[in-house]
Protein backbone atom coordinates (compact mmCIF):
# COMPACT_ATOMS: atom_id res chain seq x y z
CA MET A 1 21.46 -0.18 -1.31
CA GLY A 2 20.52 -3.30 0.04
CA HIS A 3 19.29 -1.59 3.33
CA ARG A 4 17.78 1.26 2.23
CA LEU A 5 15.03 -0.53 -0.01
CA PRO A 6 13.37 -2.00 2.72
CA THR A 7 12.98 1.19 4.29
CA ILE A 8 11.78 3.41 1.67
CA LEU A 9 8.97 0.19 0.75
CA GLY A 10 7.93 0.79 4.16
CA LYS A 11 8.07 4.21 4.44
CA ALA A 12 6.35 3.93 0.59
CA ILE A 13 3.81 1.04 1.69
CA ASP A 14 2.70 3.65 5.27
CA ASP A 15 2.56 6.61 3.00
CA VAL A 16 -0.11 4.63 0.92
CA ILE A 17 -2.01 3.38 3.87
CA ARG A 18 -2.68 6.80 4.87
CA THR A 19 -3.46 7.43 1.54
CA LEU A 20 -6.44 4.58 1.16
CA ASN A 21 -7.63 5.70 5.03
CA GLU A 22 -8.30 9.37 3.52
CA GLN A 23 -9.94 8.00 0.56
CA SER A 24 -14.56 7.38 -0.02
CA GLY A 25 -14.26 6.10 -3.58
CA GLU A 26 -14.55 2.06 -3.22
CA ASP A 27 -12.76 2.07 -6.68
CA GLU A 28 -9.24 3.86 -4.73
CA ILE A 29 -9.83 1.73 -1.57
CA VAL A 30 -9.71 -0.92 -3.84
CA ASP A 31 -7.12 -0.06 -5.93
CA LEU A 32 -4.67 1.50 -2.48
CA VAL A 33 -5.77 -2.39 -1.16
CA ARG A 34 -3.92 -3.87 -4.24
CA CYS A 35 -1.01 -1.75 -3.88
CA VAL A 36 0.09 -2.29 -0.41
CA ASP A 37 -0.45 -6.13 -1.13
CA ARG A 38 1.86 -6.07 -3.56
CA MET A 39 4.45 -4.02 -2.17
CA LYS A 40 4.50 -6.06 0.94
CA VAL A 41 4.61 -9.20 -1.47
CA LEU A 42 7.66 -7.07 -2.57
CA MET A 43 8.98 -6.74 0.84
CA THR A 44 8.57 -10.13 1.81
CA GLU A 45 10.96 -11.09 -1.74
CA LEU A 46 13.64 -8.34 -0.72
CA SER A 47 13.90 -9.75 3.18
CA GLU A 48 14.28 -13.60 1.41
CA SER A 49 16.97 -12.51 -0.66
CA ALA A 50 14.49 -13.33 -3.86
CA LYS A 51 15.74 -13.10 -7.31
CA LEU A 52 15.62 -11.02 -9.99
CA ARG A 53 12.50 -10.43 -11.77
CA PRO A 54 10.29 -7.19 -13.13
CA ILE A 55 7.21 -6.80 -11.69
CA ILE A 56 4.27 -6.97 -14.33
CA ASP A 57 1.78 -3.78 -14.18
CA GLY A 58 -1.63 -5.70 -13.32
CA SER A 59 -3.81 -2.42 -15.15
CA SER A 60 -5.91 -2.69 -18.09
CA ASN A 61 -2.85 -2.08 -20.37
CA PRO A 62 0.00 -4.20 -18.75
CA THR A 63 3.54 -3.12 -19.27
CA VAL A 64 6.32 -4.23 -17.53
CA VAL A 65 7.39 -2.10 -14.36
CA PRO A 66 11.17 -0.97 -14.41
CA VAL A 67 11.35 -2.17 -11.00
CA PHE A 68 13.13 -4.96 -9.27
CA VAL A 69 14.11 -7.07 -7.09
CA ILE A 70 17.87 -7.04 -6.39
CA ARG A 71 19.79 -9.23 -3.85
């Protein structure tokens, strides 16, 4: 699974960027850019063997997203 997560995440980033390029609304563009930035940080953490930690949703109603960096 160690090699699959970066591959899956890379494809997700590519998909969000494709979606971003199809958007015209400012709010949607800003949200998608933030999403890509957060996924890139996660990708870096995966490649650097970061410690296990929850990812906190930054929305107006913060919740813990059940995704973890696993090494």
